[in-house]
């Protein structure tokens, strides 16, 4: 499970993109850094976007939970293309 320590909130518009995919239950390609910093990529359905212990997460139908600030790209939409949260 991902730890909330050092969490950096993500842009609200990017969060909305994730919520949209969770609502439509379509398979998307998700690229993220795992807890060890290794790049991961999955074709999966986002089943939930939620907050817990001061951080936001998404759940995939693979059974994985990913902290939102570790998500780099979802279905071609890159977090880096959105303004940083200050």
PDB file of N, CA and C in Angstrom:
ATOM      1  N   UNK A   1       0.851  -1.176   0.000  1.00  0.00           N
ATOM      2  CA  UNK A   1       0.000   0.000   0.000  1.00  0.00           C
ATOM      3  C   UNK A   1       0.886   1.225   0.000  1.00  0.00           C
ATOM      4  N   UNK A   2       0.441   2.248  -0.689  1.00  0.00           N
ATOM      5  CA  UNK A   2       1.185   3.492  -0.781  1.00  0.00           C
ATOM      6  C   UNK A   2       1.007   4.317   0.484  1.00  0.00           C
ATOM      7  N   UNK A   3       2.046   4.973   0.900  1.00  0.00           N
ATOM      8  CA  UNK A   3       2.086   5.799   2.094  1.00  0.00           C
ATOM      9  C   UNK A   3       1.857   7.257   1.693  1.00  0.00           C
ATOM     10  N   UNK A   4       1.155   8.035   2.512  1.00  0.00           N
ATOM     11  CA  UNK A   4       0.831   9.428   2.204  1.00  0.00           C
ATOM     12  C   UNK A   4       1.968  10.390   2.545  1.00  0.00           C
ATOM     13  N   UNK A   5       3.026   9.923   3.169  1.00  0.00           N
ATOM     14  CA  UNK A   5       4.140  10.794   3.551  1.00  0.00           C
ATOM     15  C   UNK A   5       4.741  11.460   2.314  1.00  0.00           C
ATOM     16  N   UNK A   6       4.874  12.778   2.379  1.00  0.00           N
ATOM     17  CA  UNK A   6       5.458  13.515   1.269  1.00  0.00           C
ATOM     18  C   UNK A   6       4.534  13.677   0.073  1.00  0.00           C
ATOM     19  N   UNK A   7       3.242  13.489   0.260  1.00  0.00           N
ATOM     20  CA  UNK A   7       2.282  13.583  -0.836  1.00  0.00           C
ATOM     21  C   UNK A   7       2.217  15.002  -1.389  1.00  0.00           C
ATOM     22  N   UNK A   8       2.205  15.117  -2.725  1.00  0.00           N
ATOM     23  CA  UNK A   8       2.026  16.396  -3.413  1.00  0.00           C
ATOM     24  C   UNK A   8       0.692  16.355  -4.138  1.00  0.00           C
ATOM     25  N   UNK A   9      -0.250  17.227  -3.767  1.00  0.00           N
ATOM     26  CA  UNK A   9      -1.558  17.211  -4.430  1.00  0.00           C
ATOM     27  C   UNK A   9      -1.425  17.410  -5.939  1.00  0.00           C
ATOM     28  N   UNK A  10      -2.343  16.800  -6.695  1.00  0.00           N
ATOM     29  CA  UNK A  10      -2.329  16.934  -8.152  1.00  0.00           C
ATOM     30  C   UNK A  10      -3.347  17.981  -8.577  1.00  0.00           C
ATOM     31  N   UNK A  11      -3.153  18.506  -9.765  1.00  0.00           N
ATOM     32  CA  UNK A  11      -4.032  19.491 -10.353  1.00  0.00           C
ATOM     33  C   UNK A  11      -5.473  18.990 -10.396  1.00  0.00           C
ATOM     34  N   UNK A  12      -6.417  19.862 -10.076  1.00  0.00           N
ATOM     35  CA  UNK A  12      -7.841  19.477 -10.040  1.00  0.00           C
ATOM     36  C   UNK A  12      -8.356  19.024 -11.399  1.00  0.00           C
ATOM     37  N   UNK A  13      -7.866  19.635 -12.475  1.00  0.00           N
ATOM     38  CA  UNK A  13      -8.314  19.236 -13.807  1.00  0.00           C
ATOM     39  C   UNK A  13      -7.834  17.819 -14.141  1.00  0.00           C
ATOM     40  N   UNK A  14      -6.622  17.473 -13.744  1.00  0.00           N
ATOM     41  CA  UNK A  14      -6.133  16.112 -13.954  1.00  0.00           C
ATOM     42  C   UNK A  14      -6.941  15.143 -13.097  1.00  0.00           C
ATOM     43  N   UNK A  15      -7.264  15.547 -11.882  1.00  0.00           N
ATOM     44  CA  UNK A  15      -8.101  14.736 -10.994  1.00  0.00           C
ATOM     45  C   UNK A  15      -9.449  14.474 -11.670  1.00  0.00           C
ATOM     46  N   UNK A  16      -9.998  15.500 -12.338  1.00  0.00           N
ATOM     47  CA  UNK A  16     -11.268  15.344 -13.058  1.00  0.00           C
ATOM     48  C   UNK A  16     -11.157  14.318 -14.185  1.00  0.00           C
ATOM     49  N   UNK A  17     -10.016  14.288 -14.865  1.00  0.00           N
ATOM     50  CA  UNK A  17      -9.781  13.289 -15.921  1.00  0.00           C
ATOM     51  C   UNK A  17      -9.847  11.882 -15.324  1.00  0.00           C
ATOM     52  N   UNK A  18      -9.217  11.708 -14.175  1.00  0.00           N
ATOM     53  CA  UNK A  18      -9.226  10.401 -13.512  1.00  0.00           C
ATOM     54  C   UNK A  18     -10.639  10.016 -13.089  1.00  0.00           C
ATOM     55  N   UNK A  19     -11.380  10.977 -12.531  1.00  0.00           N
ATOM     56  CA  UNK A  19     -12.761  10.723 -12.124  1.00  0.00           C
ATOM     57  C   UNK A  19     -13.621  10.330 -13.319  1.00  0.00           C
ATOM     58  N   UNK A  20     -13.407  11.000 -14.449  1.00  0.00           N
ATOM     59  CA  UNK A  20     -14.159  10.675 -15.671  1.00  0.00           C
ATOM     60  C   UNK A  20     -13.935   9.217 -16.065  1.00  0.00           C
ATOM     61  N   UNK A  21     -12.687   8.795 -16.073  1.00  0.00           N
ATOM     62  CA  UNK A  21     -12.382   7.410 -16.448  1.00  0.00           C
ATOM     63  C   UNK A  21     -12.938   6.413 -15.432  1.00  0.00           C
ATOM     64  N   UNK A  22     -12.938   6.786 -14.161  1.00  0.00           N
ATOM     65  CA  UNK A  22     -13.511   5.907 -13.141  1.00  0.00           C
ATOM     66  C   UNK A  22     -15.021   5.780 -13.331  1.00  0.00           C
ATOM     67  N   UNK A  23     -15.653   6.856 -13.746  1.00  0.00           N
ATOM     68  CA  UNK A  23     -17.106   6.845 -13.952  1.00  0.00           C
ATOM     69  C   UNK A  23     -17.492   6.040 -15.191  1.00  0.00           C
ATOM     70  N   UNK A  24     -16.718   6.177 -16.260  1.00  0.00           N
ATOM     71  CA  UNK A  24     -17.056   5.485 -17.517  1.00  0.00           C
ATOM     72  C   UNK A  24     -16.613   4.030 -17.531  1.00  0.00           C
ATOM     73  N   UNK A  25     -15.706   3.670 -16.599  1.00  0.00           N
ATOM     74  CA  UNK A  25     -15.229   2.279 -16.486  1.00  0.00           C
ATOM     75  C   UNK A  25     -14.639   1.746 -17.787  1.00  0.00           C
ATOM     76  N   UNK A  26     -13.931   2.603 -18.506  1.00  0.00           N
ATOM     77  CA  UNK A  26     -13.266   2.168 -19.729  1.00  0.00           C
ATOM     78  C   UNK A  26     -11.823   1.768 -19.422  1.00  0.00           C
ATOM     79  N   UNK A  27     -11.292   0.877 -20.211  1.00  0.00           N
ATOM     80  CA  UNK A  27      -9.893   0.487 -20.048  1.00  0.00           C
ATOM     81  C   UNK A  27      -9.003   1.603 -20.574  1.00  0.00           C
ATOM     82  N   UNK A  28      -8.054   2.003 -19.759  1.00  0.00           N
ATOM     83  CA  UNK A  28      -7.107   3.060 -20.112  1.00  0.00           C
ATOM     84  C   UNK A  28      -5.693   2.566 -19.846  1.00  0.00           C
ATOM     85  N   UNK A  29      -4.734   3.204 -20.481  1.00  0.00           N
ATOM     86  CA  UNK A  29      -3.327   2.924 -20.187  1.00  0.00           C
ATOM     87  C   UNK A  29      -2.885   3.897 -19.101  1.00  0.00           C
ATOM     88  N   UNK A  30      -2.389   3.352 -17.992  1.00  0.00           N
ATOM     89  CA  UNK A  30      -1.943   4.156 -16.851  1.00  0.00           C
ATOM     90  C   UNK A  30      -0.443   3.965 -16.698  1.00  0.00           C
ATOM     91  N   UNK A  31       0.285   5.085 -16.683  1.00  0.00           N
ATOM     92  CA  UNK A  31       1.736   5.033 -16.472  1.00  0.00           C
ATOM     93  C   UNK A  31       2.013   5.730 -15.143  1.00  0.00           C
ATOM     94  N   UNK A  32       2.797   5.067 -14.286  1.00  0.00           N
ATOM     95  CA  UNK A  32       3.066   5.605 -12.949  1.00  0.00           C
ATOM     96  C   UNK A  32       4.404   5.096 -12.441  1.00  0.00           C
ATOM     97  N   UNK A  33       4.908   5.778 -11.426  1.00  0.00           N
ATOM     98  CA  UNK A  33       6.100   5.317 -10.732  1.00  0.00           C
ATOM     99  C   UNK A  33       5.673   4.531  -9.509  1.00  0.00           C
ATOM    100  N   UNK A  34       6.256   3.362  -9.326  1.00  0.00           N
ATOM    101  CA  UNK A  34       5.889   2.567  -8.149  1.00  0.00           C
ATOM    102  C   UNK A  34       6.627   3.086  -6.915  1.00  0.00           C
ATOM    103  N   UNK A  35       6.412   2.441  -5.786  1.00  0.00           N
ATOM    104  CA  UNK A  35       7.011   2.893  -4.525  1.00  0.00           C
ATOM    105  C   UNK A  35       8.531   2.911  -4.562  1.00  0.00           C
ATOM    106  N   UNK A  36       9.125   2.058  -5.385  1.00  0.00           N
ATOM    107  CA  UNK A  36      10.581   2.008  -5.509  1.00  0.00           C
ATOM    108  C   UNK A  36      11.105   2.980  -6.565  1.00  0.00           C
ATOM    109  N   UNK A  37      10.175   3.671  -7.253  1.00  0.00           N
ATOM    110  CA  UNK A  37      10.570   4.630  -8.279  1.00  0.00           C
ATOM    111  C   UNK A  37      10.662   4.043  -9.675  1.00  0.00           C
ATOM    112  N   UNK A  38      10.368   2.759  -9.826  1.00  0.00           N
ATOM    113  CA  UNK A  38      10.419   2.121 -11.144  1.00  0.00           C
ATOM    114  C   UNK A  38       9.163   2.483 -11.944  1.00  0.00           C
ATOM    115  N   UNK A  39       9.358   2.709 -13.225  1.00  0.00           N
ATOM    116  CA  UNK A  39       8.249   3.033 -14.120  1.00  0.00           C
ATOM    117  C   UNK A  39       7.377   1.803 -14.351  1.00  0.00           C
ATOM    118  N   UNK A  40       6.071   1.983 -14.231  1.00  0.00           N
ATOM    119  CA  UNK A  40       5.101   0.909 -14.446  1.00  0.00           C
ATOM    120  C   UNK A  40       4.067   1.383 -15.463  1.00  0.00           C
ATOM    121  N   UNK A  41       3.489   0.442 -16.173  1.00  0.00           N
ATOM    122  CA  UNK A  41       2.438   0.760 -17.132  1.00  0.00           C
ATOM    123  C   UNK A  41       1.422  -0.369 -17.117  1.00  0.00           C
ATOM    124  N   UNK A  42       0.153   0.007 -17.058  1.00  0.00           N
ATOM    125  CA  UNK A  42      -0.918  -0.984 -17.030  1.00  0.00           C
ATOM    126  C   UNK A  42      -2.025  -0.564 -17.975  1.00  0.00           C
ATOM    127  N   UNK A  43      -2.658  -1.530 -18.621  1.00  0.00           N
ATOM    128  CA  UNK A  43      -3.923  -1.323 -19.298  1.00  0.00           C
ATOM    129  C   UNK A  43      -4.962  -1.833 -18.313  1.00  0.00           C
ATOM    130  N   UNK A  44      -5.760  -0.914 -17.774  1.00  0.00           N
ATOM    131  CA  UNK A  44      -6.661  -1.275 -16.683  1.00  0.00           C
ATOM    132  C   UNK A  44      -7.844  -0.325 -16.641  1.00  0.00           C
ATOM    133  N   UNK A  45      -8.835  -0.708 -15.853  1.00  0.00           N
ATOM    134  CA  UNK A  45      -9.983   0.147 -15.564  1.00  0.00           C
ATOM    135  C   UNK A  45      -9.722   0.818 -14.218  1.00  0.00           C
ATOM    136  N   UNK A  46      -9.897   2.135 -14.169  1.00  0.00           N
ATOM    137  CA  UNK A  46      -9.830   2.851 -12.899  1.00  0.00           C
ATOM    138  C   UNK A  46     -11.165   2.603 -12.209  1.00  0.00           C
ATOM    139  N   UNK A  47     -11.116   1.948 -11.064  1.00  0.00           N
ATOM    140  CA  UNK A  47     -12.352   1.592 -10.375  1.00  0.00           C
ATOM    141  C   UNK A  47     -12.755   2.598  -9.310  1.00  0.00           C
ATOM    142  N   UNK A  48     -11.798   3.411  -8.834  1.00  0.00           N
ATOM    143  CA  UNK A  48     -12.122   4.392  -7.807  1.00  0.00           C
ATOM    144  C   UNK A  48     -11.017   5.433  -7.722  1.00  0.00           C
ATOM    145  N   UNK A  49     -11.398   6.646  -7.362  1.00  0.00           N
ATOM    146  CA  UNK A  49     -10.467   7.721  -7.025  1.00  0.00           C
ATOM    147  C   UNK A  49     -10.920   8.199  -5.646  1.00  0.00           C
ATOM    148  N   UNK A  50     -10.011   8.162  -4.671  1.00  0.00           N
ATOM    149  CA  UNK A  50     -10.433   8.424  -3.300  1.00  0.00           C
ATOM    150  C   UNK A  50      -9.309   9.059  -2.487  1.00  0.00           C
ATOM    151  N   UNK A  51      -9.694   9.632  -1.363  1.00  0.00           N
ATOM    152  CA  UNK A  51      -8.736  10.238  -0.423  1.00  0.00           C
ATOM    153  C   UNK A  51      -8.667   9.394   0.831  1.00  0.00           C
ATOM    154  N   UNK A  52      -7.445   9.294   1.368  1.00  0.00           N
ATOM    155  CA  UNK A  52      -7.247   8.579   2.629  1.00  0.00           C
ATOM    156  C   UNK A  52      -5.962   9.085   3.281  1.00  0.00           C
ATOM    157  N   UNK A  53      -6.044   9.375   4.562  1.00  0.00           N
ATOM    158  CA  UNK A  53      -4.868   9.767   5.351  1.00  0.00           C
ATOM    159  C   UNK A  53      -4.066  10.900   4.719  1.00  0.00           C
ATOM    160  N   UNK A  54      -4.758  11.901   4.174  1.00  0.00           N
ATOM    161  CA  UNK A  54      -4.085  13.079   3.644  1.00  0.00           C
ATOM    162  C   UNK A  54      -3.542  12.954   2.237  1.00  0.00           C
ATOM    163  N   UNK A  55      -3.895  11.915   1.519  1.00  0.00           N
ATOM    164  CA  UNK A  55      -3.431  11.742   0.137  1.00  0.00           C
ATOM    165  C   UNK A  55      -4.580  11.229  -0.723  1.00  0.00           C
ATOM    166  N   UNK A  56      -4.435  11.391  -2.027  1.00  0.00           N
ATOM    167  CA  UNK A  56      -5.422  10.879  -2.985  1.00  0.00           C
ATOM    168  C   UNK A  56      -4.834   9.674  -3.705  1.00  0.00           C
ATOM    169  N   UNK A  57      -5.711   8.724  -4.030  1.00  0.00           N
ATOM    170  CA  UNK A  57      -5.303   7.471  -4.652  1.00  0.00           C
ATOM    171  C   UNK A  57      -6.275   7.098  -5.759  1.00  0.00           C
ATOM    172  N   UNK A  58      -5.834   6.204  -6.620  1.00  0.00           N
ATOM    173  CA  UNK A  58      -6.757   5.551  -7.537  1.00  0.00           C
ATOM    174  C   UNK A  58      -6.585   4.054  -7.399  1.00  0.00           C
ATOM    175  N   UNK A  59      -7.679   3.362  -7.608  1.00  0.00           N
ATOM    176  CA  UNK A  59      -7.677   1.900  -7.593  1.00  0.00           C
ATOM    177  C   UNK A  59      -7.862   1.415  -9.016  1.00  0.00           C
ATOM    178  N   UNK A  60      -7.136   0.365  -9.366  1.00  0.00           N
ATOM    179  CA  UNK A  60      -7.249  -0.246 -10.684  1.00  0.00           C
ATOM    180  C   UNK A  60      -7.906  -1.609 -10.560  1.00  0.00           C
ATOM    181  N   UNK A  61      -8.511  -2.066 -11.642  1.00  0.00           N
ATOM    182  CA  UNK A  61      -9.138  -3.389 -11.610  1.00  0.00           C
ATOM    183  C   UNK A  61      -8.113  -4.518 -11.547  1.00  0.00           C
ATOM    184  N   UNK A  62      -6.832  -4.173 -11.573  1.00  0.00           N
ATOM    185  CA  UNK A  62      -5.774  -5.158 -11.376  1.00  0.00           C
ATOM    186  C   UNK A  62      -5.583  -5.471  -9.896  1.00  0.00           C
ATOM    187  N   UNK A  63      -6.257  -4.673  -9.026  1.00  0.00           N
ATOM    188  CA  UNK A  63      -6.099  -4.823  -7.589  1.00  0.00           C
ATOM    189  C   UNK A  63      -5.079  -3.857  -7.004  1.00  0.00           C
ATOM    190  N   UNK A  64      -4.420  -3.092  -7.860  1.00  0.00           N
ATOM    191  CA  UNK A  64      -3.401  -2.157  -7.397  1.00  0.00           C
ATOM    192  C   UNK A  64      -4.029  -0.827  -6.975  1.00  0.00           C
ATOM    193  N   UNK A  65      -3.371  -0.169  -6.025  1.00  0.00           N
ATOM    194  CA  UNK A  65      -3.726   1.178  -5.594  1.00  0.00           C
ATOM    195  C   UNK A  65      -2.503   2.049  -5.822  1.00  0.00           C
ATOM    196  N   UNK A  66      -2.718   3.206  -6.470  1.00  0.00           N
ATOM    197  CA  UNK A  66      -1.613   4.088  -6.837  1.00  0.00           C
ATOM    198  C   UNK A  66      -1.891   5.481  -6.276  1.00  0.00           C
ATOM    199  N   UNK A  67      -0.901   6.048  -5.602  1.00  0.00           N
ATOM    200  CA  UNK A  67      -1.018   7.416  -5.109  1.00  0.00           C
ATOM    201  C   UNK A  67      -1.029   8.357  -6.311  1.00  0.00           C
ATOM    202  N   UNK A  68      -1.925   9.346  -6.317  1.00  0.00           N
ATOM    203  CA  UNK A  68      -2.091  10.186  -7.502  1.00  0.00           C
ATOM    204  C   UNK A  68      -0.850  10.954  -7.901  1.00  0.00           C
ATOM    205  N   UNK A  69      -0.027  11.355  -6.956  1.00  0.00           N
ATOM    206  CA  UNK A  69       1.171  12.100  -7.344  1.00  0.00           C
ATOM    207  C   UNK A  69       2.241  11.199  -7.959  1.00  0.00           C
ATOM    208  N   UNK A  70       1.970   9.907  -8.036  1.00  0.00           N
ATOM    209  CA  UNK A  70       2.881   8.982  -8.729  1.00  0.00           C
ATOM    210  C   UNK A  70       2.383   8.639 -10.132  1.00  0.00           C
ATOM    211  N   UNK A  71       1.157   9.063 -10.445  1.00  0.00           N
ATOM    212  CA  UNK A  71       0.598   8.841 -11.777  1.00  0.00           C
ATOM    213  C   UNK A  71       1.233   9.858 -12.718  1.00  0.00           C
ATOM    214  N   UNK A  72       1.758   9.400 -13.838  1.00  0.00           N
ATOM    215  CA  UNK A  72       2.399  10.283 -14.810  1.00  0.00           C
ATOM    216  C   UNK A  72       1.501  10.552 -16.006  1.00  0.00           C
ATOM    217  N   UNK A  73       0.732   9.532 -16.398  1.00  0.00           N
ATOM    218  CA  UNK A  73      -0.068   9.668 -17.612  1.00  0.00           C
ATOM    219  C   UNK A  73      -1.231   8.684 -17.561  1.00  0.00           C
ATOM    220  N   UNK A  74      -2.388   9.127 -18.061  1.00  0.00           N
ATOM    221  CA  UNK A  74      -3.553   8.263 -18.171  1.00  0.00           C
ATOM    222  C   UNK A  74      -4.157   8.461 -19.561  1.00  0.00           C
ATOM    223  N   UNK A  75      -4.149   7.405 -20.346  1.00  0.00           N
ATOM    224  CA  UNK A  75      -4.746   7.411 -21.680  1.00  0.00           C
ATOM    225  C   UNK A  75      -4.242   8.572 -22.526  1.00  0.00           C
ATOM    226  N   UNK A  76      -2.938   8.843 -22.428  1.00  0.00           N
ATOM    227  CA  UNK A  76      -2.304   9.889 -23.228  1.00  0.00           C
ATOM    228  C   UNK A  76      -2.341  11.276 -22.607  1.00  0.00           C
ATOM    229  N   UNK A  77      -3.047  11.445 -21.494  1.00  0.00           N
ATOM    230  CA  UNK A  77      -3.113  12.734 -20.799  1.00  0.00           C
ATOM    231  C   UNK A  77      -2.043  12.720 -19.714  1.00  0.00           C
ATOM    232  N   UNK A  78      -1.094  13.661 -19.834  1.00  0.00           N
ATOM    233  CA  UNK A  78       0.045  13.693 -18.916  1.00  0.00           C
ATOM    234  C   UNK A  78      -0.174  14.700 -17.791  1.00  0.00           C
ATOM    235  N   UNK A  79       0.087  14.264 -16.570  1.00  0.00           N
ATOM    236  CA  UNK A  79      -0.016  15.147 -15.417  1.00  0.00           C
ATOM    237  C   UNK A  79       0.869  16.384 -15.611  1.00  0.00           C
ATOM    238  N   UNK A  80       2.030  16.222 -16.203  1.00  0.00           N
ATOM    239  CA  UNK A  80       2.978  17.317 -16.387  1.00  0.00           C
ATOM    240  C   UNK A  80       2.430  18.428 -17.289  1.00  0.00           C
ATOM    241  N   UNK A  81       1.371  18.149 -18.042  1.00  0.00           N
ATOM    242  CA  UNK A  81       0.778  19.161 -18.918  1.00  0.00           C
ATOM    243  C   UNK A  81      -0.141  20.113 -18.162  1.00  0.00           C
ATOM    244  N   UNK A  82      -0.421  19.842 -16.901  1.00  0.00           N
ATOM    245  CA  UNK A  82      -1.297  20.666 -16.086  1.00  0.00           C
ATOM    246  C   UNK A  82      -0.459  21.510 -15.132  1.00  0.00           C
ATOM    247  N   UNK A  83      -0.963  22.706 -14.791  1.00  0.00           N
ATOM    248  CA  UNK A  83      -0.209  23.531 -13.821  1.00  0.00           C
ATOM    249  C   UNK A  83      -0.043  22.814 -12.487  1.00  0.00           C
ATOM    250  N   UNK A  84       1.096  23.026 -11.869  1.00  0.00           N
ATOM    251  CA  UNK A  84       1.358  22.435 -10.552  1.00  0.00           C
ATOM    252  C   UNK A  84       0.472  23.098  -9.513  1.00  0.00           C
ATOM    253  N   UNK A  85       0.116  22.342  -8.485  1.00  0.00           N
ATOM    254  CA  UNK A  85      -0.677  22.855  -7.373  1.00  0.00           C
ATOM    255  C   UNK A  85       0.289  23.527  -6.399  1.00  0.00           C
ATOM    256  N   UNK A  86      -0.057  24.742  -6.009  1.00  0.00           N
ATOM    257  CA  UNK A  86       0.822  25.456  -5.066  1.00  0.00           C
ATOM    258  C   UNK A  86       0.190  25.572  -3.723  1.00  0.00           C
TER     259      UNK A  86
END
